[in-house]
Amino acid sequence: MIFILFIFGIVLTVWGLYRMKTDDGLFGKNRKTKNLFNLILMGQASGLGQFLSGILCIVIGIIAFFVK
């Protein structure tokens, strides 16, 4: 089960990186501000939100591995 959490975290992280590079934002002049505004407006649906969720899944998987 922990292995599935790692894979899901890696997929979310890679997909988030892809979305951050390709998505256009409604506001912001550069890519960084566009990604931040997308995170504020859309939450998890933004590339930055998916990236952070992927990192969180990997960290939770590591913690669950050591607790087990």
N, C-alpha and C. Protein backbone atom coordinates (compact mmCIF):
# COMPACT_ATOMS: atom_id res chain seq x y z
N MET A 1 0.83 -1.20 0.00
CA MET A 1 0.00 0.00 0.00
C MET A 1 0.87 1.26 0.00
N ILE A 2 1.98 1.21 0.71
CA ILE A 2 2.88 2.36 0.75
C ILE A 2 3.50 2.59 -0.62
N PHE A 3 3.76 1.51 -1.36
CA PHE A 3 4.32 1.60 -2.70
C PHE A 3 3.39 2.37 -3.63
N ILE A 4 2.09 2.14 -3.49
CA ILE A 4 1.10 2.86 -4.31
C ILE A 4 1.13 4.34 -3.97
N LEU A 5 1.32 4.69 -2.70
CA LEU A 5 1.40 6.09 -2.29
C LEU A 5 2.62 6.77 -2.91
N PHE A 6 3.76 6.06 -2.97
CA PHE A 6 4.94 6.60 -3.61
C PHE A 6 4.70 6.86 -5.10
N ILE A 7 4.12 5.88 -5.78
CA ILE A 7 3.86 6.02 -7.22
C ILE A 7 2.90 7.17 -7.48
N PHE A 8 1.83 7.27 -6.67
CA PHE A 8 0.87 8.36 -6.83
C PHE A 8 1.55 9.70 -6.58
N GLY A 9 2.43 9.77 -5.60
CA GLY A 9 3.16 11.01 -5.32
C GLY A 9 4.08 11.40 -6.46
N ILE A 10 4.76 10.42 -7.04
CA ILE A 10 5.65 10.70 -8.17
C ILE A 10 4.86 11.17 -9.38
N VAL A 11 3.73 10.52 -9.65
CA VAL A 11 2.88 10.92 -10.78
C VAL A 11 2.36 12.35 -10.58
N LEU A 12 1.89 12.66 -9.38
CA LEU A 12 1.40 14.02 -9.11
C LEU A 12 2.51 15.06 -9.25
N THR A 13 3.70 14.73 -8.79
CA THR A 13 4.81 15.66 -8.88
C THR A 13 5.19 15.93 -10.33
N VAL A 14 5.30 14.90 -11.13
CA VAL A 14 5.65 15.06 -12.54
C VAL A 14 4.56 15.81 -13.29
N TRP A 15 3.30 15.45 -13.04
CA TRP A 15 2.19 16.12 -13.70
C TRP A 15 2.11 17.60 -13.27
N GLY A 16 2.39 17.88 -12.02
CA GLY A 16 2.40 19.26 -11.55
C GLY A 16 3.49 20.08 -12.22
N LEU A 17 4.68 19.49 -12.38
CA LEU A 17 5.76 20.19 -13.08
C LEU A 17 5.36 20.49 -14.53
N TYR A 18 4.74 19.52 -15.18
CA TYR A 18 4.28 19.71 -16.56
C TYR A 18 3.24 20.83 -16.63
N ARG A 19 2.29 20.80 -15.71
CA ARG A 19 1.23 21.82 -15.71
C ARG A 19 1.78 23.21 -15.41
N MET A 20 2.78 23.30 -14.53
CA MET A 20 3.36 24.60 -14.22
C MET A 20 4.07 25.19 -15.44
N LYS A 21 4.66 24.34 -16.28
CA LYS A 21 5.38 24.83 -17.45
C LYS A 21 4.44 25.19 -18.60
N THR A 22 3.28 24.53 -18.70
CA THR A 22 2.45 24.71 -19.88
C THR A 22 1.20 25.56 -19.67
N ASP A 23 0.72 25.70 -18.45
CA ASP A 23 -0.52 26.44 -18.23
C ASP A 23 -0.32 27.94 -18.32
N ASP A 24 -1.33 28.60 -18.86
CA ASP A 24 -1.34 30.07 -18.85
C ASP A 24 -2.22 30.52 -17.70
N GLY A 25 -1.79 31.54 -17.02
CA GLY A 25 -2.56 32.06 -15.90
C GLY A 25 -3.41 33.25 -16.31
N LEU A 26 -4.39 33.53 -15.49
CA LEU A 26 -5.25 34.69 -15.74
C LEU A 26 -4.55 35.98 -15.36
N PHE A 27 -3.76 35.94 -14.31
CA PHE A 27 -3.08 37.12 -13.80
C PHE A 27 -1.60 36.82 -13.68
N GLY A 28 -0.81 37.84 -13.63
CA GLY A 28 0.62 37.68 -13.40
C GLY A 28 1.42 37.97 -14.65
N LYS A 29 2.63 38.48 -14.43
CA LYS A 29 3.48 38.85 -15.55
C LYS A 29 4.47 37.75 -15.91
N ASN A 30 4.93 37.00 -14.93
CA ASN A 30 5.87 35.93 -15.23
C ASN A 30 5.28 34.59 -14.75
N ARG A 31 6.00 33.52 -15.01
CA ARG A 31 5.51 32.17 -14.71
C ARG A 31 5.29 31.96 -13.22
N LYS A 32 6.16 32.53 -12.39
CA LYS A 32 6.04 32.34 -10.94
C LYS A 32 4.75 32.95 -10.41
N THR A 33 4.46 34.17 -10.78
CA THR A 33 3.23 34.80 -10.27
C THR A 33 1.99 34.16 -10.87
N LYS A 34 2.07 33.71 -12.13
CA LYS A 34 0.93 33.02 -12.74
C LYS A 34 0.62 31.73 -11.98
N ASN A 35 1.67 30.99 -11.61
CA ASN A 35 1.46 29.75 -10.87
C ASN A 35 0.89 30.01 -9.48
N LEU A 36 1.35 31.07 -8.83
CA LEU A 36 0.82 31.40 -7.51
C LEU A 36 -0.65 31.82 -7.58
N PHE A 37 -1.00 32.64 -8.57
CA PHE A 37 -2.40 33.03 -8.73
C PHE A 37 -3.27 31.84 -9.08
N ASN A 38 -2.76 30.93 -9.92
CA ASN A 38 -3.53 29.72 -10.24
C ASN A 38 -3.75 28.88 -8.99
N LEU A 39 -2.75 28.78 -8.11
CA LEU A 39 -2.90 28.03 -6.87
C LEU A 39 -3.96 28.67 -5.98
N ILE A 40 -3.94 29.99 -5.89
CA ILE A 40 -4.92 30.68 -5.04
C ILE A 40 -6.33 30.52 -5.62
N LEU A 41 -6.47 30.66 -6.93
CA LEU A 41 -7.79 30.62 -7.55
C LEU A 41 -8.34 29.20 -7.70
N MET A 42 -7.47 28.26 -8.13
CA MET A 42 -7.97 26.92 -8.46
C MET A 42 -7.57 25.84 -7.46
N GLY A 43 -6.64 26.13 -6.58
CA GLY A 43 -6.23 25.16 -5.57
C GLY A 43 -5.53 23.96 -6.17
N GLN A 44 -6.01 22.77 -5.86
CA GLN A 44 -5.38 21.52 -6.28
C GLN A 44 -5.34 21.38 -7.80
N ALA A 45 -6.25 22.00 -8.52
CA ALA A 45 -6.29 21.86 -9.97
C ALA A 45 -5.13 22.56 -10.66
N SER A 46 -4.43 23.43 -9.96
CA SER A 46 -3.29 24.12 -10.56
C SER A 46 -2.07 23.22 -10.54
N GLY A 47 -1.10 23.56 -11.36
CA GLY A 47 0.13 22.78 -11.42
C GLY A 47 0.90 22.80 -10.12
N LEU A 48 0.94 23.96 -9.48
CA LEU A 48 1.66 24.09 -8.21
C LEU A 48 0.98 23.27 -7.12
N GLY A 49 -0.34 23.25 -7.13
CA GLY A 49 -1.08 22.44 -6.15
C GLY A 49 -0.83 20.96 -6.33
N GLN A 50 -0.79 20.49 -7.57
CA GLN A 50 -0.50 19.09 -7.83
C GLN A 50 0.93 18.75 -7.45
N PHE A 51 1.85 19.65 -7.73
CA PHE A 51 3.25 19.42 -7.37
C PHE A 51 3.41 19.29 -5.85
N LEU A 52 2.80 20.22 -5.11
CA LEU A 52 2.90 20.17 -3.65
C LEU A 52 2.19 18.95 -3.07
N SER A 53 1.09 18.54 -3.67
CA SER A 53 0.39 17.34 -3.21
C SER A 53 1.23 16.09 -3.47
N GLY A 54 1.93 16.06 -4.58
CA GLY A 54 2.82 14.94 -4.86
C GLY A 54 3.95 14.83 -3.86
N ILE A 55 4.55 15.97 -3.53
CA ILE A 55 5.61 15.98 -2.52
C ILE A 55 5.05 15.51 -1.18
N LEU A 56 3.85 15.97 -0.83
CA LEU A 56 3.23 15.58 0.43
C LEU A 56 2.94 14.08 0.47
N CYS A 57 2.49 13.50 -0.64
CA CYS A 57 2.24 12.05 -0.70
C CYS A 57 3.53 11.27 -0.48
N ILE A 58 4.61 11.73 -1.08
CA ILE A 58 5.89 11.04 -0.91
C ILE A 58 6.35 11.13 0.55
N VAL A 59 6.22 12.30 1.16
CA VAL A 59 6.63 12.47 2.56
C VAL A 59 5.76 11.61 3.48
N ILE A 60 4.46 11.56 3.25
CA ILE A 60 3.58 10.72 4.06
C ILE A 60 3.93 9.25 3.88
N GLY A 61 4.28 8.86 2.65
CA GLY A 61 4.70 7.48 2.41
C GLY A 61 5.96 7.12 3.18
N ILE A 62 6.92 8.04 3.24
CA ILE A 62 8.16 7.80 3.98
C ILE A 62 7.86 7.70 5.48
N ILE A 63 7.02 8.60 5.98
CA ILE A 63 6.66 8.55 7.39
C ILE A 63 5.92 7.26 7.72
N ALA A 64 5.00 6.85 6.86
CA ALA A 64 4.25 5.61 7.08
C ALA A 64 5.18 4.40 7.05
N PHE A 65 6.21 4.44 6.21
CA PHE A 65 7.17 3.33 6.14
C PHE A 65 7.95 3.20 7.44
N PHE A 66 8.35 4.33 8.02
CA PHE A 66 9.11 4.27 9.25
C PHE A 66 8.23 3.96 10.48
N VAL A 67 6.99 4.39 10.45
CA VAL A 67 6.08 4.09 11.55
C VAL A 67 5.71 2.60 11.57
N LYS A 68 5.58 2.06 10.38
CA LYS A 68 5.22 0.66 10.27
C LYS A 68 6.37 -0.19 10.74
